[in-house]
């Protein structure tokens, strides 16, 4: 999975449909209906949505 924000090709796989980019600290989620959701990970570990289609 290539990061849609920074283009990093070495994202980590968290689960079947979740990936993590260590360059920009974003969690990438692909739903079964191919909807993309991006979650920003804060310093305290909390997440908040930054993009959803």
PDB file of N, CA and C in Angstrom:
ATOM      1  N   UNK A   1       0.857  -1.177   0.000  1.00  0.00           N
ATOM      2  CA  UNK A   1       0.000   0.000   0.000  1.00  0.00           C
ATOM      3  C   UNK A   1       0.897   1.232   0.000  1.00  0.00           C
ATOM      4  N   UNK A   2       0.642   2.133  -0.904  1.00  0.00           N
ATOM      5  CA  UNK A   2       1.377   3.386  -1.007  1.00  0.00           C
ATOM      6  C   UNK A   2       0.601   4.464  -0.254  1.00  0.00           C
ATOM      7  N   UNK A   3       1.306   5.249   0.556  1.00  0.00           N
ATOM      8  CA  UNK A   3       0.656   6.299   1.332  1.00  0.00           C
ATOM      9  C   UNK A   3       0.121   7.378   0.390  1.00  0.00           C
ATOM     10  N   UNK A   4      -1.171   7.716   0.512  1.00  0.00           N
ATOM     11  CA  UNK A   4      -1.744   8.729  -0.375  1.00  0.00           C
ATOM     12  C   UNK A   4      -1.291  10.153  -0.056  1.00  0.00           C
ATOM     13  N   UNK A   5      -0.650  10.357   1.093  1.00  0.00           N
ATOM     14  CA  UNK A   5      -0.212  11.699   1.465  1.00  0.00           C
ATOM     15  C   UNK A   5       1.230  11.962   1.039  1.00  0.00           C
ATOM     16  N   UNK A   6       2.156  11.092   1.456  1.00  0.00           N
ATOM     17  CA  UNK A   6       3.573  11.352   1.193  1.00  0.00           C
ATOM     18  C   UNK A   6       4.164  10.464   0.103  1.00  0.00           C
ATOM     19  N   UNK A   7       3.435   9.425  -0.301  1.00  0.00           N
ATOM     20  CA  UNK A   7       3.923   8.541  -1.346  1.00  0.00           C
ATOM     21  C   UNK A   7       4.848   7.435  -0.863  1.00  0.00           C
ATOM     22  N   UNK A   8       5.005   7.293   0.442  1.00  0.00           N
ATOM     23  CA  UNK A   8       5.843   6.251   1.023  1.00  0.00           C
ATOM     24  C   UNK A   8       5.336   4.873   0.590  1.00  0.00           C
ATOM     25  N   UNK A   9       6.200   4.071   0.012  1.00  0.00           N
ATOM     26  CA  UNK A   9       5.805   2.735  -0.439  1.00  0.00           C
ATOM     27  C   UNK A   9       6.037   1.665   0.621  1.00  0.00           C
ATOM     28  N   UNK A  10       6.597   2.035   1.753  1.00  0.00           N
ATOM     29  CA  UNK A  10       6.910   1.072   2.809  1.00  0.00           C
ATOM     30  C   UNK A  10       5.998   1.285   4.011  1.00  0.00           C
ATOM     31  N   UNK A  11       4.691   1.226   3.773  1.00  0.00           N
ATOM     32  CA  UNK A  11       3.744   1.352   4.870  1.00  0.00           C
ATOM     33  C   UNK A  11       3.622   0.012   5.585  1.00  0.00           C
ATOM     34  N   UNK A  12       3.315   0.071   6.860  1.00  0.00           N
ATOM     35  CA  UNK A  12       3.139  -1.148   7.642  1.00  0.00           C
ATOM     36  C   UNK A  12       1.699  -1.598   7.617  1.00  0.00           C
ATOM     37  N   UNK A  13       1.495  -2.889   7.640  1.00  0.00           N
ATOM     38  CA  UNK A  13       0.149  -3.445   7.633  1.00  0.00           C
ATOM     39  C   UNK A  13      -0.266  -3.738   9.070  1.00  0.00           C
ATOM     40  N   UNK A  14      -1.362  -3.126   9.516  1.00  0.00           N
ATOM     41  CA  UNK A  14      -1.860  -3.329  10.866  1.00  0.00           C
ATOM     42  C   UNK A  14      -2.871  -4.468  10.922  1.00  0.00           C
ATOM     43  N   UNK A  15      -3.678  -4.575   9.900  1.00  0.00           N
ATOM     44  CA  UNK A  15      -4.661  -5.655   9.790  1.00  0.00           C
ATOM     45  C   UNK A  15      -5.001  -5.830   8.317  1.00  0.00           C
ATOM     46  N   UNK A  16      -6.042  -6.596   8.048  1.00  0.00           N
ATOM     47  CA  UNK A  16      -6.425  -6.892   6.673  1.00  0.00           C
ATOM     48  C   UNK A  16      -6.700  -5.624   5.855  1.00  0.00           C
ATOM     49  N   UNK A  17      -7.273  -4.606   6.472  1.00  0.00           N
ATOM     50  CA  UNK A  17      -7.655  -3.405   5.735  1.00  0.00           C
ATOM     51  C   UNK A  17      -7.081  -2.114   6.327  1.00  0.00           C
ATOM     52  N   UNK A  18      -6.140  -2.224   7.256  1.00  0.00           N
ATOM     53  CA  UNK A  18      -5.547  -1.037   7.884  1.00  0.00           C
ATOM     54  C   UNK A  18      -4.030  -1.036   7.686  1.00  0.00           C
ATOM     55  N   UNK A  19      -3.525   0.145   7.353  1.00  0.00           N
ATOM     56  CA  UNK A  19      -2.095   0.338   7.113  1.00  0.00           C
ATOM     57  C   UNK A  19      -1.633   1.546   7.894  1.00  0.00           C
ATOM     58  N   UNK A  20      -0.307   1.656   8.095  1.00  0.00           N
ATOM     59  CA  UNK A  20       0.260   2.761   8.859  1.00  0.00           C
ATOM     60  C   UNK A  20       1.461   3.326   8.122  1.00  0.00           C
ATOM     61  N   UNK A  21       1.499   4.642   7.949  1.00  0.00           N
ATOM     62  CA  UNK A  21       2.652   5.307   7.337  1.00  0.00           C
ATOM     63  C   UNK A  21       3.490   5.939   8.442  1.00  0.00           C
ATOM     64  N   UNK A  22       4.730   5.500   8.572  1.00  0.00           N
ATOM     65  CA  UNK A  22       5.609   6.021   9.617  1.00  0.00           C
ATOM     66  C   UNK A  22       6.239   7.357   9.234  1.00  0.00           C
ATOM     67  N   UNK A  23       6.127   7.763   7.973  1.00  0.00           N
ATOM     68  CA  UNK A  23       6.659   9.070   7.562  1.00  0.00           C
ATOM     69  C   UNK A  23       5.748  10.210   8.013  1.00  0.00           C
ATOM     70  N   UNK A  24       4.456  10.046   7.847  1.00  0.00           N
ATOM     71  CA  UNK A  24       3.536  11.139   8.187  1.00  0.00           C
ATOM     72  C   UNK A  24       2.576  10.776   9.326  1.00  0.00           C
ATOM     73  N   UNK A  25       2.777   9.635   9.980  1.00  0.00           N
ATOM     74  CA  UNK A  25       1.975   9.190  11.126  1.00  0.00           C
ATOM     75  C   UNK A  25       0.484   9.202  10.825  1.00  0.00           C
ATOM     76  N   UNK A  26       0.132   8.493   9.765  1.00  0.00           N
ATOM     77  CA  UNK A  26      -1.257   8.397   9.333  1.00  0.00           C
ATOM     78  C   UNK A  26      -1.645   6.927   9.262  1.00  0.00           C
ATOM     79  N   UNK A  27      -2.847   6.631   9.742  1.00  0.00           N
ATOM     80  CA  UNK A  27      -3.414   5.300   9.595  1.00  0.00           C
ATOM     81  C   UNK A  27      -4.353   5.329   8.396  1.00  0.00           C
ATOM     82  N   UNK A  28      -4.203   4.374   7.509  1.00  0.00           N
ATOM     83  CA  UNK A  28      -4.980   4.307   6.278  1.00  0.00           C
ATOM     84  C   UNK A  28      -5.937   3.127   6.398  1.00  0.00           C
ATOM     85  N   UNK A  29      -7.220   3.387   6.198  1.00  0.00           N
ATOM     86  CA  UNK A  29      -8.240   2.345   6.325  1.00  0.00           C
ATOM     87  C   UNK A  29      -8.999   2.237   5.017  1.00  0.00           C
ATOM     88  N   UNK A  30      -9.075   1.030   4.473  1.00  0.00           N
ATOM     89  CA  UNK A  30      -9.865   0.750   3.271  1.00  0.00           C
ATOM     90  C   UNK A  30     -11.046  -0.130   3.666  1.00  0.00           C
ATOM     91  N   UNK A  31     -12.263   0.356   3.417  1.00  0.00           N
ATOM     92  CA  UNK A  31     -13.443  -0.424   3.754  1.00  0.00           C
ATOM     93  C   UNK A  31     -13.715  -1.466   2.675  1.00  0.00           C
ATOM     94  N   UNK A  32     -14.670  -2.339   2.939  1.00  0.00           N
ATOM     95  CA  UNK A  32     -15.039  -3.376   1.969  1.00  0.00           C
ATOM     96  C   UNK A  32     -15.606  -2.780   0.691  1.00  0.00           C
ATOM     97  N   UNK A  33     -16.138  -1.586   0.781  1.00  0.00           N
ATOM     98  CA  UNK A  33     -16.698  -0.904  -0.388  1.00  0.00           C
ATOM     99  C   UNK A  33     -15.665   0.022  -1.039  1.00  0.00           C
ATOM    100  N   UNK A  34     -14.377  -0.211  -0.743  1.00  0.00           N
ATOM    101  CA  UNK A  34     -13.251   0.562  -1.284  1.00  0.00           C
ATOM    102  C   UNK A  34     -13.323   2.044  -0.947  1.00  0.00           C
ATOM    103  N   UNK A  35     -13.878   2.362   0.205  1.00  0.00           N
ATOM    104  CA  UNK A  35     -13.865   3.736   0.687  1.00  0.00           C
ATOM    105  C   UNK A  35     -12.590   3.940   1.487  1.00  0.00           C
ATOM    106  N   UNK A  36     -11.968   5.084   1.294  1.00  0.00           N
ATOM    107  CA  UNK A  36     -10.698   5.400   1.930  1.00  0.00           C
ATOM    108  C   UNK A  36     -10.933   6.332   3.109  1.00  0.00           C
ATOM    109  N   UNK A  37     -10.293   6.026   4.231  1.00  0.00           N
ATOM    110  CA  UNK A  37     -10.350   6.891   5.407  1.00  0.00           C
ATOM    111  C   UNK A  37      -8.932   7.058   5.931  1.00  0.00           C
ATOM    112  N   UNK A  38      -8.552   8.303   6.217  1.00  0.00           N
ATOM    113  CA  UNK A  38      -7.229   8.600   6.768  1.00  0.00           C
ATOM    114  C   UNK A  38      -7.393   9.152   8.172  1.00  0.00           C
ATOM    115  N   UNK A  39      -6.626   8.591   9.106  1.00  0.00           N
ATOM    116  CA  UNK A  39      -6.666   9.027  10.502  1.00  0.00           C
ATOM    117  C   UNK A  39      -5.285   9.514  10.905  1.00  0.00           C
ATOM    118  N   UNK A  40      -5.195  10.726  11.419  1.00  0.00           N
ATOM    119  CA  UNK A  40      -3.939  11.281  11.912  1.00  0.00           C
ATOM    120  C   UNK A  40      -3.725  10.782  13.334  1.00  0.00           C
ATOM    121  N   UNK A  41      -2.520  10.336  13.632  1.00  0.00           N
ATOM    122  CA  UNK A  41      -2.197   9.840  14.966  1.00  0.00           C
ATOM    123  C   UNK A  41      -1.438  10.922  15.721  1.00  0.00           C
ATOM    124  N   UNK A  42      -1.995  11.360  16.848  1.00  0.00           N
ATOM    125  CA  UNK A  42      -1.397  12.415  17.663  1.00  0.00           C
ATOM    126  C   UNK A  42      -0.268  11.862  18.518  1.00  0.00           C
ATOM    127  N   UNK A  43       0.484  12.759  19.143  1.00  0.00           N
ATOM    128  CA  UNK A  43       1.598  12.358  20.007  1.00  0.00           C
ATOM    129  C   UNK A  43       1.138  11.508  21.181  1.00  0.00           C
ATOM    130  N   UNK A  44      -0.092  11.729  21.667  1.00  0.00           N
ATOM    131  CA  UNK A  44      -0.596  10.966  22.807  1.00  0.00           C
ATOM    132  C   UNK A  44      -1.226   9.627  22.388  1.00  0.00           C
ATOM    133  N   UNK A  45      -1.223   9.328  21.075  1.00  0.00           N
ATOM    134  CA  UNK A  45      -1.740   8.071  20.585  1.00  0.00           C
ATOM    135  C   UNK A  45      -3.178   8.104  20.117  1.00  0.00           C
ATOM    136  N   UNK A  46      -3.849   9.231  20.354  1.00  0.00           N
ATOM    137  CA  UNK A  46      -5.237   9.344  19.899  1.00  0.00           C
ATOM    138  C   UNK A  46      -5.256   9.598  18.392  1.00  0.00           C
ATOM    139  N   UNK A  47      -6.381   9.285  17.772  1.00  0.00           N
ATOM    140  CA  UNK A  47      -6.524   9.482  16.329  1.00  0.00           C
ATOM    141  C   UNK A  47      -7.707  10.407  16.051  1.00  0.00           C
ATOM    142  N   UNK A  48      -7.619  11.100  14.929  1.00  0.00           N
ATOM    143  CA  UNK A  48      -8.740  11.904  14.468  1.00  0.00           C
ATOM    144  C   UNK A  48      -8.774  11.870  12.948  1.00  0.00           C
ATOM    145  N   UNK A  49      -9.955  11.840  12.355  1.00  0.00           N
ATOM    146  CA  UNK A  49     -10.074  11.710  10.910  1.00  0.00           C
ATOM    147  C   UNK A  49      -9.578  12.972  10.191  1.00  0.00           C
ATOM    148  N   UNK A  50      -8.858  12.761   9.091  1.00  0.00           N
ATOM    149  CA  UNK A  50      -8.430  13.879   8.271  1.00  0.00           C
ATOM    150  C   UNK A  50      -8.983  13.785   6.854  1.00  0.00           C
ATOM    151  N   UNK A  51      -9.488  12.590   6.474  1.00  0.00           N
ATOM    152  CA  UNK A  51     -10.066  12.421   5.147  1.00  0.00           C
ATOM    153  C   UNK A  51     -10.956  11.186   5.136  1.00  0.00           C
ATOM    154  N   UNK A  52     -12.078  11.308   4.471  1.00  0.00           N
ATOM    155  CA  UNK A  52     -12.964  10.160   4.250  1.00  0.00           C
ATOM    156  C   UNK A  52     -13.753  10.414   2.979  1.00  0.00           C
ATOM    157  N   UNK A  53     -13.887   9.381   2.154  1.00  0.00           N
ATOM    158  CA  UNK A  53     -14.709   9.555   0.945  1.00  0.00           C
ATOM    159  C   UNK A  53     -15.840   8.585   0.939  1.00  0.00           C
TER     160      UNK A  53
END
